[in-house]
Protein backbone atom coordinates (compact mmCIF):
# COMPACT_ATOMS: atom_id res chain seq x y z
CA UNK A 1 0.00 0.00 0.00
CA UNK A 2 2.87 2.40 0.80
CA UNK A 3 4.32 1.78 -2.64
CA UNK A 4 1.01 2.65 -4.30
CA UNK A 5 0.75 5.82 -2.24
CA UNK A 6 4.28 6.81 -3.24
CA UNK A 7 3.54 6.27 -6.90
CA UNK A 8 0.32 8.27 -6.75
CA UNK A 9 2.05 11.07 -4.85
CA UNK A 10 4.72 11.31 -7.50
CA UNK A 11 2.05 11.34 -10.17
CA UNK A 12 -0.23 14.00 -8.76
CA UNK A 13 2.48 16.35 -7.52
CA UNK A 14 4.22 16.31 -10.87
CA UNK A 15 3.20 19.16 -13.23
CA UNK A 16 2.68 16.64 -16.04
CA UNK A 17 0.51 17.33 -19.01
CA UNK A 18 -3.09 16.11 -18.75
CA UNK A 19 -2.63 13.44 -21.39
CA UNK A 20 0.41 11.98 -19.64
CA UNK A 21 -1.42 12.05 -16.32
CA UNK A 22 -4.27 10.09 -17.82
CA UNK A 23 -1.90 7.45 -19.23
CA UNK A 24 -0.09 7.13 -15.90
CA UNK A 25 -3.36 6.79 -14.05
CA UNK A 26 -4.13 3.79 -16.19
CA UNK A 27 -0.60 2.43 -15.75
CA UNK A 28 -0.76 2.72 -11.96
CA UNK A 29 -4.03 0.78 -11.98
CA UNK A 30 -2.28 -1.95 -13.98
CA UNK A 31 0.65 -2.02 -11.56
CA UNK A 32 -1.40 -3.38 -8.65
CA UNK A 33 0.09 -6.92 -8.80
CA UNK A 34 3.61 -5.50 -9.20
CA UNK A 35 3.16 -3.22 -6.19
CA UNK A 36 1.87 -6.12 -4.09
CA UNK A 37 4.88 -8.21 -5.12
CA UNK A 38 7.23 -5.34 -4.30
CA UNK A 39 5.80 -4.93 -0.82
CA UNK A 40 6.28 -8.68 -0.34
CA UNK A 41 9.93 -8.44 -1.54
CA UNK A 42 9.26 -10.70 -4.55
CA UNK A 43 11.44 -8.61 -6.83
CA UNK A 44 11.77 -10.96 -9.81
CA UNK A 45 7.98 -11.09 -9.93
CA UNK A 46 7.90 -7.28 -9.81
CA UNK A 47 10.22 -7.05 -12.80
CA UNK A 48 8.10 -9.42 -14.89
CA UNK A 49 4.89 -7.60 -13.98
CA UNK A 50 6.39 -4.19 -14.78
CA UNK A 51 7.77 -5.39 -18.10
CA UNK A 52 4.29 -6.58 -18.99
CA UNK A 53 2.85 -3.13 -18.23
CA UNK A 54 5.66 -1.38 -20.14
CA UNK A 55 5.03 -3.55 -23.22
CA UNK A 56 1.39 -2.40 -23.23
CA UNK A 57 2.09 1.20 -22.15
CA UNK A 58 5.61 2.15 -23.34
CA UNK A 59 5.27 5.73 -22.08
CA UNK A 60 4.70 4.82 -18.42
CA UNK A 61 7.36 6.48 -16.27
CA UNK A 62 5.87 4.90 -13.14
CA UNK A 63 6.20 1.35 -14.46
CA UNK A 64 9.84 1.94 -15.35
CA UNK A 65 10.46 3.49 -11.96
CA UNK A 66 8.95 0.56 -10.06
CA UNK A 67 10.90 -1.92 -12.18
CA UNK A 68 14.10 0.04 -11.45
CA UNK A 69 13.34 -0.11 -7.72
CA UNK A 70 13.11 -3.90 -7.92
CA UNK A 71 16.38 -4.08 -9.85
CA UNK A 72 18.06 -1.92 -7.21
CA UNK A 73 16.84 -4.29 -4.52
CA UNK A 74 18.58 -7.08 -6.46
CA UNK A 75 21.80 -4.99 -6.77
CA UNK A 76 21.36 -4.78 -10.55
CA UNK A 77 22.22 -1.11 -10.59
CA UNK A 78 23.30 -0.72 -14.21
CA UNK A 79 19.94 -2.00 -15.48
CA UNK A 80 18.10 0.08 -12.89
CA UNK A 81 19.95 3.23 -13.94
CA UNK A 82 18.93 2.75 -17.56
CA UNK A 83 15.27 2.38 -16.60
CA UNK A 84 15.36 5.42 -14.34
CA UNK A 85 16.80 7.56 -17.10
CA UNK A 86 14.12 6.27 -19.45
CA UNK A 87 11.45 7.14 -16.87
CA UNK A 88 12.83 10.67 -16.61
CA UNK A 89 12.74 11.09 -20.37
CA UNK A 90 8.99 10.53 -20.13
CA UNK A 91 8.50 12.53 -16.92
CA UNK A 92 11.45 14.84 -16.08
CA UNK A 93 9.76 15.86 -12.82
CA UNK A 94 9.48 12.38 -11.33
CA UNK A 95 11.22 13.19 -8.05
CA UNK A 96 11.51 9.60 -6.83
CA UNK A 97 13.38 8.61 -9.99
CA UNK A 98 15.83 11.49 -9.50
CA UNK A 99 16.33 10.46 -5.87
CA UNK A 100 16.98 6.83 -6.84
CA UNK A 101 19.45 7.92 -9.52
CA UNK A 102 21.17 10.06 -6.90
CA UNK A 103 21.49 6.99 -4.69
CA UNK A 104 22.95 4.87 -7.51
CA UNK A 105 25.48 7.51 -8.54
CA UNK A 106 26.38 8.14 -4.91
CA UNK A 107 27.14 4.45 -4.32
CA UNK A 108 29.24 4.49 -7.50
CA UNK A 109 31.31 7.36 -6.13
CA UNK A 110 30.02 9.85 -8.70
CA UNK A 111 29.14 12.55 -6.20
CA UNK A 112 28.73 15.28 -8.80
CA UNK A 113 25.98 13.39 -10.65
CA UNK A 114 24.45 12.28 -7.36
CA UNK A 115 24.18 15.89 -6.21
CA UNK A 116 22.60 16.96 -9.53
CA UNK A 117 19.88 14.31 -9.31
CA UNK A 118 19.28 14.97 -5.61
CA UNK A 119 18.83 18.67 -6.34
CA UNK A 120 16.47 17.82 -9.21
CA UNK A 121 14.38 15.73 -6.81
CA UNK A 122 14.21 18.63 -4.34
CA UNK A 123 13.32 21.06 -7.12
CA UNK A 124 10.47 18.79 -8.23
CA UNK A 125 9.07 18.39 -4.70
CA UNK A 126 10.64 21.05 -2.45
CA UNK A 127 8.43 20.27 0.54
CA UNK A 128 9.20 16.53 0.57
CA UNK A 129 11.63 15.93 3.44
CA UNK A 130 13.06 12.62 2.19
CA UNK A 131 14.52 14.21 -0.94
CA UNK A 132 16.28 16.87 1.11
CA UNK A 133 17.64 14.07 3.30
CA UNK A 134 19.12 12.38 0.21
CA UNK A 135 20.74 15.66 -0.83
CA UNK A 136 22.10 16.08 2.69
CA UNK A 137 23.74 12.62 2.44
CA UNK A 138 25.56 13.65 -0.73
CA UNK A 139 26.65 17.02 0.64
CA UNK A 140 27.92 15.48 3.85
CA UNK A 141 29.92 12.85 1.94
CA UNK A 142 31.68 15.59 -0.01
CA UNK A 143 32.66 17.47 3.13
CA UNK A 144 30.01 20.18 2.93
CA UNK A 145 28.60 19.65 6.39
CA UNK A 146 27.13 23.13 6.67
CA UNK A 147 25.25 22.83 3.39
CA UNK A 148 24.00 19.41 4.50
CA UNK A 149 22.71 20.93 7.72
CA UNK A 150 20.81 23.57 5.75
CA UNK A 151 18.95 20.81 3.89
CA UNK A 152 18.24 18.90 7.10
CA UNK A 153 16.85 21.99 8.80
CA UNK A 154 14.55 22.51 5.80
CA UNK A 155 13.53 18.82 5.84
CA UNK A 156 12.63 19.04 9.52
CA UNK A 157 10.53 22.11 8.86
CA UNK A 158 8.44 20.11 6.37
CA UNK A 159 8.35 16.95 8.51
CA UNK A 160 8.61 18.08 12.16
CA UNK A 161 7.33 14.71 13.39
CA UNK A 162 10.34 12.76 12.16
CA UNK A 163 12.66 11.83 15.01
CA UNK A 164 15.25 10.47 12.56
CA UNK A 165 15.67 13.96 11.08
CA UNK A 166 16.03 15.49 14.54
CA UNK A 167 18.73 12.98 15.43
CA UNK A 168 20.51 13.44 12.10
CA UNK A 169 20.53 17.18 12.67
CA UNK A 170 22.00 16.66 16.10
CA UNK A 171 24.70 14.42 14.68
CA UNK A 172 25.53 16.95 11.97
CA UNK A 173 25.69 19.84 14.42
CA UNK A 174 27.97 17.78 16.65
CA UNK A 175 30.27 17.12 13.69
CA UNK A 176 30.80 20.85 13.05
CA UNK A 177 30.89 21.84 16.71
CA UNK A 178 27.60 23.77 16.77
CA UNK A 179 26.55 22.40 20.14
CA UNK A 180 24.70 25.54 21.24
CA UNK A 181 22.25 24.87 18.41
CA UNK A 182 22.30 21.14 19.02
CA UNK A 183 21.26 21.32 22.68
CA UNK A 184 17.71 22.67 22.17
CA UNK A 185 17.14 20.19 19.34
CA UNK A 186 18.20 17.33 21.59
CA UNK A 187 15.88 18.62 24.30
CA UNK A 188 13.08 18.88 21.72
CA UNK A 189 13.71 15.28 20.65
CA UNK A 190 13.21 14.16 24.25
CA UNK A 191 10.13 16.36 24.74
CA UNK A 192 8.49 14.96 21.61
CA UNK A 193 9.71 11.36 21.69
CA UNK A 194 10.55 10.68 25.32
CA UNK A 195 13.76 9.54 26.98
CA UNK A 196 14.77 6.67 24.76
CA UNK A 197 18.31 5.49 24.13
CA UNK A 198 18.77 7.55 20.96
CA UNK A 199 17.46 10.82 22.35
CA UNK A 200 19.49 10.49 25.55
CA UNK A 201 22.69 9.82 23.57
CA UNK A 202 21.98 12.90 21.50
CA UNK A 203 21.43 15.03 24.60
CA UNK A 204 24.62 13.75 26.26
CA UNK A 205 26.65 14.72 23.18
CA UNK A 206 25.14 18.21 23.20
CA UNK A 207 25.76 18.67 26.91
CA UNK A 208 29.38 17.61 26.52
CA UNK A 209 29.78 20.00 23.61
CA UNK A 210 28.59 23.01 25.63
CA UNK A 211 30.82 22.00 28.58
CA UNK A 212 27.96 20.84 30.83
CA UNK A 213 30.16 17.95 31.89
CA UNK A 214 28.32 16.76 34.99
CA UNK A 215 25.06 16.74 33.03
CA UNK A 216 26.73 14.81 30.18
CA UNK A 217 27.92 12.16 32.67
CA UNK A 218 24.44 11.84 34.20
CA UNK A 219 22.70 11.63 30.81
CA UNK A 220 25.18 9.09 29.45
CA UNK A 221 24.64 6.89 32.48
CA UNK A 222 20.88 7.22 32.09
CA UNK A 223 21.19 6.05 28.47
CA UNK A 224 23.29 3.11 29.62
CA UNK A 225 20.57 2.10 32.05
CA UNK A 226 18.32 1.59 29.04
CA UNK A 227 20.87 -0.20 26.87
CA UNK A 228 24.35 -1.31 27.86
CA UNK A 229 25.60 -2.88 24.65
CA UNK A 230 26.34 0.23 22.58
CA UNK A 231 29.77 1.89 22.64
CA UNK A 232 28.63 5.47 21.86
CA UNK A 233 27.46 6.57 25.35
CA UNK A 234 30.60 5.06 26.89
CA UNK A 235 32.71 7.29 24.62
CA UNK A 236 30.81 10.43 25.66
CA UNK A 237 30.97 9.33 29.29
CA UNK A 238 34.72 8.78 29.01
CA UNK A 239 35.32 12.20 27.45
CA UNK A 240 33.22 13.99 30.06
CA UNK A 241 34.91 12.15 32.94
CA UNK A 242 38.34 12.98 31.58
CA UNK A 243 37.52 16.66 31.27
CA UNK A 244 36.30 16.54 34.86
CA UNK A 245 39.80 15.42 35.85
CA UNK A 246 39.03 11.72 36.31
CA UNK A 247 41.40 10.00 33.84
CA UNK A 248 41.18 6.50 35.33
CA UNK A 249 37.38 6.47 35.21
CA UNK A 250 37.57 7.90 31.69
CA UNK A 251 39.89 5.12 30.54
CA UNK A 252 37.57 2.51 32.06
CA UNK A 253 34.63 3.93 30.07
CA UNK A 254 36.60 3.99 26.82
CA UNK A 255 37.86 0.45 27.38
CA UNK A 256 34.29 -0.69 27.94
CA UNK A 257 33.43 0.94 24.60
CA UNK A 258 36.26 -1.00 22.96
CA UNK A 259 35.09 -4.26 24.49
CA UNK A 260 31.69 -3.70 22.89
CA UNK A 261 33.10 -2.39 19.62
CA UNK A 262 36.76 -3.38 19.12
CA UNK A 263 37.02 -1.26 15.98
CA UNK A 264 35.58 1.89 17.58
CA UNK A 265 37.51 4.77 16.04
CA UNK A 266 36.31 7.25 18.65
CA UNK A 267 37.28 5.12 21.64
CA UNK A 268 40.72 4.25 20.30
CA UNK A 269 41.42 7.85 19.33
CA UNK A 270 40.31 9.20 22.70
CA UNK A 271 42.44 6.64 24.55
CA UNK A 272 45.40 7.74 22.44
CA UNK A 273 44.90 11.36 23.49
CA UNK A 274 44.78 10.38 27.16
CA UNK A 275 48.02 8.42 26.75
CA UNK A 276 49.71 11.31 24.95
CA UNK A 277 48.59 13.75 27.64
CA UNK A 278 50.16 11.47 30.24
CA UNK A 279 53.30 11.29 28.10
CA UNK A 280 52.90 7.60 27.36
CA UNK A 281 54.04 8.33 23.84
CA UNK A 282 54.78 4.85 22.53
CA UNK A 283 51.24 3.68 23.34
CA UNK A 284 49.63 6.96 22.37
CA UNK A 285 51.02 7.34 18.86
CA UNK A 286 49.75 3.93 17.74
CA UNK A 287 46.06 4.76 18.14
CA UNK A 288 46.63 8.43 17.28
CA UNK A 289 46.51 7.14 13.71
CA UNK A 290 42.79 6.61 14.27
CA UNK A 291 42.34 10.35 13.66
CA UNK A 292 42.63 9.51 9.95
CA UNK A 293 39.47 7.38 10.20
CA UNK A 294 37.38 10.20 11.63
CA UNK A 295 34.78 11.36 9.11
CA UNK A 296 36.30 14.76 8.42
CA UNK A 297 39.62 13.15 7.45
CA UNK A 298 38.15 10.44 5.23
CA UNK A 299 37.57 12.77 2.29
CA UNK A 300 41.22 13.86 2.26
CA UNK A 301 43.64 13.10 -0.51
CA UNK A 302 45.35 9.73 -0.55
CA UNK A 303 48.50 9.15 1.50
CA UNK A 304 49.59 5.94 -0.18
CA UNK A 305 52.08 4.33 -0.24
CA UNK A 306 52.38 5.23 3.43
CA UNK A 307 55.78 5.47 5.09
CA UNK A 308 55.99 2.96 7.94
CA UNK A 309 59.07 4.37 9.67
CA UNK A 310 61.64 2.07 8.09
CA UNK A 311 64.93 3.60 6.95
CA UNK A 312 64.36 5.82 3.94
CA UNK A 313 67.88 5.22 2.59
CA UNK A 314 67.70 8.21 0.30
CA UNK A 315 64.14 7.65 -0.93
CA UNK A 316 61.90 10.62 -1.69
CA UNK A 317 59.14 11.38 0.80
CA UNK A 318 56.26 13.85 0.69
CA UNK A 319 54.93 14.99 4.08
CA UNK A 320 51.28 16.03 3.93
CA UNK A 321 49.90 18.94 5.90
CA UNK A 322 47.16 18.39 8.51
CA UNK A 323 45.46 19.97 11.52
CA UNK A 324 46.10 23.56 12.65
CA UNK A 325 48.90 26.07 12.43
CA UNK A 326 50.26 25.28 15.90
CA UNK A 327 50.24 21.54 15.25
CA UNK A 328 52.10 22.07 12.00
CA UNK A 329 54.83 23.98 13.84
CA UNK A 330 54.99 21.29 16.54
CA UNK A 331 55.31 18.41 14.07
CA UNK A 332 58.04 20.36 12.28
CA UNK A 333 60.33 19.47 15.19
CA UNK A 334 60.60 16.07 13.47
CA UNK A 335 61.77 17.51 10.14
CA UNK A 336 65.51 17.50 11.06
CA UNK A 337 65.20 13.77 11.94
CA UNK A 338 63.52 13.14 8.60
CA UNK A 339 66.07 15.13 6.61
CA UNK A 340 68.89 13.00 7.98
CA UNK A 341 67.33 9.98 6.25
CA UNK A 342 65.92 11.30 3.02
CA UNK A 343 67.59 12.22 -0.26
CA UNK A 344 64.63 14.40 -1.19
CA UNK A 345 62.18 15.64 1.41
CA UNK A 346 59.11 17.48 0.11
CA UNK A 347 56.74 18.99 2.67
CA UNK A 348 53.35 20.62 2.34
CA UNK A 349 52.80 23.63 4.58
CA UNK A 350 50.37 26.36 5.43
CA UNK A 351 51.23 29.24 3.03
CA UNK A 352 52.00 31.61 5.93
CA UNK A 353 54.73 29.21 7.10
CA UNK A 354 56.53 28.69 3.79
CA UNK A 355 59.27 31.33 4.17
CA UNK A 356 59.89 30.53 7.84
CA UNK A 357 60.09 26.79 7.20
CA UNK A 358 62.27 27.16 4.10
CA UNK A 359 64.82 29.18 6.06
CA UNK A 360 64.72 26.84 9.05
CA UNK A 361 64.99 23.56 7.10
CA UNK A 362 67.09 24.35 4.01
CA UNK A 363 67.41 20.68 3.10
CA UNK A 364 63.68 20.33 2.42
CA UNK A 365 61.48 21.74 -0.30
CA UNK A 366 58.20 23.24 0.85
CA UNK A 367 54.94 23.32 -1.08
CA UNK A 368 52.27 25.74 0.18
CA UNK A 369 48.85 24.09 0.38
CA UNK A 370 45.86 26.42 0.76
CA UNK A 371 43.09 23.83 0.94
CA UNK A 372 43.78 20.94 3.30
CA UNK A 373 40.58 19.17 2.28
CA UNK A 374 41.40 19.02 -1.41
CA UNK A 375 41.35 15.61 -3.05
CA UNK A 376 44.21 16.60 -5.37
CA UNK A 377 47.62 15.43 -4.26
CA UNK A 378 50.53 17.87 -4.33
CA UNK A 379 52.82 17.28 -7.30
CA UNK A 380 56.40 18.01 -6.20
CA UNK A 381 57.68 17.60 -9.76
CA UNK A 382 59.61 14.41 -8.99
CA UNK A 383 58.56 10.79 -8.37
CA UNK A 384 57.56 10.21 -4.73
CA UNK A 385 58.44 6.91 -3.08
CA UNK A 386 56.44 7.24 0.15
CA UNK A 387 54.01 9.64 1.83
CA UNK A 388 53.31 10.55 5.44
CA UNK A 389 50.90 12.84 7.22
CA UNK A 390 52.79 15.35 9.39
CA UNK A 391 51.04 14.08 12.53
CA UNK A 392 52.33 10.56 11.91
CA UNK A 393 56.01 11.57 12.09
CA UNK A 394 56.27 11.65 15.92
CA UNK A 395 55.31 8.00 16.01
CA UNK A 396 58.68 7.26 14.41
CA UNK A 397 60.81 9.93 16.13
CA UNK A 398 59.24 10.71 19.54
CA UNK A 399 58.28 7.42 21.20
CA UNK A 400 59.68 8.45 24.59
CA UNK A 401 60.71 11.56 26.54
CA UNK A 402 64.38 10.97 25.81
CA UNK A 403 63.72 11.31 22.11
CA UNK A 404 62.62 14.94 22.45
CA UNK A 405 65.68 17.11 21.73
CA UNK A 406 66.69 19.81 24.24
CA UNK A 407 66.75 22.46 21.52
CA UNK A 408 67.15 26.23 21.74
CA UNK A 409 64.92 26.75 18.73
CA UNK A 410 64.49 24.77 15.52
CA UNK A 411 62.77 27.63 13.68
CA UNK A 412 64.96 30.52 12.53
CA UNK A 413 63.56 34.01 12.14
CA UNK A 414 64.97 36.48 9.60
CA UNK A 415 67.87 38.23 11.44
CA UNK A 416 67.32 41.51 9.61
CA UNK A 417 63.64 41.61 10.50
CA UNK A 418 64.38 40.67 14.12
CA UNK A 419 66.71 43.66 14.28
CA UNK A 420 64.01 45.86 12.76
CA UNK A 421 61.49 44.83 15.41
CA UNK A 422 64.02 45.35 18.19
CA UNK A 423 64.21 48.93 17.00
CA UNK A 424 60.44 49.28 17.02
CA UNK A 425 60.24 47.84 20.51
CA UNK A 426 63.04 50.06 21.82
CA UNK A 427 61.06 53.08 20.62
CA UNK A 428 58.30 52.15 23.07
CA UNK A 429 60.56 53.18 25.95
CA UNK A 430 62.13 51.47 28.91
CA UNK A 431 60.68 48.26 30.30
CA UNK A 432 60.21 44.58 29.62
CA UNK A 433 58.74 43.95 26.15
CA UNK A 434 56.06 41.28 26.59
CA UNK A 435 53.77 39.84 23.92
CA UNK A 436 50.22 38.99 24.94
CA UNK A 437 47.57 36.70 23.44
CA UNK A 438 44.29 36.02 25.23
CA UNK A 439 42.02 34.03 22.87
CA UNK A 440 42.75 30.65 21.31
CA UNK A 441 41.22 28.16 18.91
CA UNK A 442 37.85 27.94 17.25
CA UNK A 443 34.55 26.48 18.44
CA UNK A 444 35.45 22.86 17.63
CA UNK A 445 38.80 23.21 19.41
CA UNK A 446 37.18 24.51 22.61
CA UNK A 447 37.75 28.24 22.25
CA UNK A 448 35.65 29.06 25.32
CA UNK A 449 37.73 26.82 27.54
CA UNK A 450 41.02 28.47 26.60
CA UNK A 451 40.09 32.11 26.11
CA UNK A 452 39.91 35.14 28.40
CA UNK A 453 39.10 38.80 27.98
CA UNK A 454 41.45 41.68 28.70
CA UNK A 455 39.64 42.74 31.84
CA UNK A 456 40.44 39.35 33.40
CA UNK A 457 44.10 40.05 32.69
CA UNK A 458 44.20 43.44 34.45
CA UNK A 459 46.32 42.03 37.33
CA UNK A 460 49.02 41.34 34.73
CA UNK A 461 48.48 44.37 32.55
CA UNK A 462 48.91 46.72 35.52
CA UNK A 463 52.34 45.39 36.53
CA UNK A 464 54.77 48.34 36.36
CA UNK A 465 57.75 48.22 34.02
CA UNK A 466 56.10 46.25 31.18
CA UNK A 467 55.49 47.38 27.58
CA UNK A 468 52.72 45.21 26.21
CA UNK A 469 52.70 44.06 22.58
CA UNK A 470 49.73 42.43 20.87
CA UNK A 471 50.12 38.88 19.53
CA UNK A 472 46.36 38.23 19.30
CA UNK A 473 45.17 37.48 15.76
CA UNK A 474 41.67 38.20 14.52
CA UNK A 475 39.31 40.88 15.76
CA UNK A 476 40.98 42.67 18.67
CA UNK A 477 41.14 46.40 17.86
CA UNK A 478 37.94 47.27 19.73
CA UNK A 479 39.03 45.38 22.84
CA UNK A 480 42.42 47.07 22.88
CA UNK A 481 40.91 50.53 22.38
CA UNK A 482 38.33 49.94 25.14
CA UNK A 483 41.11 48.86 27.52
CA UNK A 484 43.12 51.99 26.78
CA UNK A 485 40.10 54.25 27.21
CA UNK A 486 39.03 52.64 30.49
CA UNK A 487 42.38 51.87 32.12
CA UNK A 488 44.99 53.92 30.28
CA UNK A 489 46.84 50.70 29.43
CA UNK A 490 48.50 50.64 26.00
CA UNK A 491 48.95 47.43 24.02
CA UNK A 492 51.01 48.15 20.92
CA UNK A 493 49.58 46.44 17.86
CA UNK A 494 51.39 45.99 14.55
CA UNK A 495 48.90 44.29 12.19
CA UNK A 496 51.61 43.73 9.57
CA UNK A 497 53.32 41.36 12.02
CA UNK A 498 50.17 39.55 13.15
CA UNK A 499 47.71 39.31 10.28
CA UNK A 500 49.99 38.26 7.43
CA UNK A 501 52.95 35.96 6.85
CA UNK A 502 54.00 34.08 9.99
CA UNK A 503 57.61 34.82 9.12
CA UNK A 504 57.00 38.38 10.24
CA UNK A 505 55.28 37.17 13.42
CA UNK A 506 58.35 35.02 14.13
CA UNK A 507 60.62 38.06 13.79
CA UNK A 508 58.54 40.10 16.24
CA UNK A 509 58.36 37.20 18.73
CA UNK A 510 62.14 36.74 18.51
CA UNK A 511 62.62 40.40 19.44
CA UNK A 512 60.40 40.22 22.54
CA UNK A 513 61.64 39.51 26.05
CA UNK A 514 58.71 37.23 26.90
CA UNK A 515 55.39 35.95 25.57
CA UNK A 516 52.37 35.40 27.83
CA UNK A 517 49.54 33.54 26.15
CA UNK A 518 46.63 31.16 26.42
CA UNK A 519 46.90 27.86 24.52
CA UNK A 520 47.13 28.96 20.91
CA UNK A 521 49.45 28.78 17.91
CA UNK A 522 51.69 31.59 19.15
CA UNK A 523 52.81 29.28 21.99
CA UNK A 524 54.08 26.76 19.45
CA UNK A 525 55.77 29.50 17.44
CA UNK A 526 57.49 30.96 20.50
CA UNK A 527 58.63 27.57 21.76
CA UNK A 528 59.85 26.48 18.32
CA UNK A 529 61.92 29.69 18.12
CA UNK A 530 63.43 28.86 21.52
CA UNK A 531 61.98 32.03 23.07
CA UNK A 532 60.45 32.13 26.57
CA UNK A 533 56.69 31.77 26.90
CA UNK A 534 54.41 31.57 29.91
CA UNK A 535 51.21 29.76 29.06
CA UNK A 536 47.86 29.93 30.84
CA UNK A 537 46.37 26.46 30.49
CA UNK A 538 42.91 25.20 31.43
CA UNK A 539 42.60 22.39 33.98
CA UNK A 540 42.36 19.88 31.14
CA UNK A 541 44.07 21.40 28.08
CA UNK A 542 44.59 19.99 24.63
CA UNK A 543 46.78 16.88 24.63
CA UNK A 544 49.88 18.76 23.42
CA UNK A 545 50.25 20.45 26.80
CA UNK A 546 50.24 17.30 28.91
CA UNK A 547 48.22 16.76 32.05
CA UNK A 548 50.30 17.72 35.09
CA UNK A 549 53.78 19.14 34.70
CA UNK A 550 54.88 22.76 34.34
CA UNK A 551 56.81 22.10 31.16
CA UNK A 552 56.17 20.40 27.83
CA UNK A 553 58.71 18.17 26.07
CA UNK A 554 58.21 19.85 22.68
CA UNK A 555 59.54 23.24 23.81
CA UNK A 556 62.09 23.59 26.64
CA UNK A 557 61.59 27.37 26.75
CA UNK A 558 57.85 27.17 27.49
CA UNK A 559 56.50 27.22 31.04
CA UNK A 560 52.93 26.17 31.88
CA UNK A 561 50.70 27.75 34.54
CA UNK A 562 47.77 25.38 35.05
CA UNK A 563 44.28 25.99 36.41
CA UNK A 564 43.95 24.23 39.79
CA UNK A 565 40.18 24.08 39.29
CA UNK A 566 38.28 23.82 36.02
CA UNK A 567 37.20 27.21 34.69
CA UNK A 568 38.93 29.26 37.41
CA UNK A 569 41.62 31.56 36.01
CA UNK A 570 42.36 33.86 38.95
CA UNK A 571 45.02 31.62 40.60
CA UNK A 572 46.79 31.24 37.25
CA UNK A 573 46.83 34.99 36.66
CA UNK A 574 48.01 35.61 40.23
CA UNK A 575 50.92 33.16 39.81
CA UNK A 576 52.01 34.78 36.55
CA UNK A 577 51.71 38.26 38.06
CA UNK A 578 54.00 37.23 40.90
CA UNK A 579 56.59 35.87 38.48
CA UNK A 580 56.28 38.95 36.25
CA UNK A 581 56.90 41.27 39.21
CA UNK A 582 60.02 39.29 40.02
CA UNK A 583 61.19 39.50 36.42
CA UNK A 584 60.60 43.25 36.06
CA UNK A 585 62.38 43.91 39.32
CA UNK A 586 65.51 42.28 37.92
CA UNK A 587 65.43 39.38 40.39
CA UNK A 588 64.18 36.86 37.82
């Protein structure tokens, strides 16, 4: 019966000519036995019945469409595709046929054609939620998560009763870090559908995303009371427990997830981050490779043949860029190790790092890559023997603390530009020249957890004998001007050193006496230059900063000031103020 309803819906909503509508009405009446067979999953019988109708009524788009559906059920996609195209020649507005063609082309990996047919289905029936859901599938598979979310929001508007769309929206919002939008949708799903396993899992994810950690723990445990054999709530539970400072309980939750789902990418990846934060590097790097199986990485360009760490013996390697600017600088600490093995070392890099990296590692050739998510592989102009993602290099060179070199800076700023910035800083007058950065990351990398505002930093900014220099990228002019107007505190800001090539930022940082910053890319830059940095870290920072100590193995010149309690910055700022007073007095 559902099949008949679908066919009739496609017929009457289509702006077909009256004559064609009359023919199809007759065809649908003749398709009764075929529809009954389809609903009973007797697909060979469906095909024979449809062929009989087509022989009598060659212009029936509906008969061809139903026959194609049966062929698809039998995995005979090539034949089905031909029938669907024939159906669309008769009725170009048959939305179901477009949607089925989109599915076939999508499974074949032809995402461009799949998107075209999905959009044609939506254009034919714009208020039909299922066609927007098909389009969302295609957009998500091609890395356009935000566009996919737009279609899902529209689909939910036309079919507000569908819990599956609510949950898909929640999943999509989680993927792009839009948890503030996700939370009310998850709450709506519970209000409309009750506290079932799916809605509780959705709510726990949203609560974790907005940093409501205790609530995320409680909701995850409530979901597990309903169903204990799914790994997903254990992963959320483990993440929330870890961020609450309970690493052993977190590991137990993740290990339970692995017991239920041994191939769980999320659980293995999260365990790797906990191990890396505790400086168990050998164990941590192994499962850190699971990051490449996370959805947002899957669409990346190929990295095969992959280097497995064996001696390169002069072979040519191409290192592929990944993750953020700070990570790229951190992984670059492995480039000297790599250059000692390789005859030709080609490395992708963020364009703003090209000049700095080229000067610092003259034995390598750098290739600026603007779009990390491109499917096109960089062509270095020579045959490449092996490839490696940048984040996979530490697995081969940093398996223990003793393998981290005690360097005084592996990045080299331009000496002439350093001298220029020393002159600019000297013109500010007497006093310690200190760079300051107070906001870090983006939404998906927990910006709120590692960002402050300038008023919170007044205990530092009012220390006598300091000339403050801006190292904060992005929108900061208004904040700096407001601070000056309200407090009379001046933070010198040179946009040409902050908003452009990182080579210029490196020169300014090298001329400073000290950098004070939250967890952001400037910490990596300062440490990689061998310059002193004092870092304000949240109670549970990103894995790069470790979990407990006041130093980090990547950068000997960096000192960490950790929150004693989650979300409380005042003790951190007080500690740094005390040290800054000592330093300005000449005792430090």
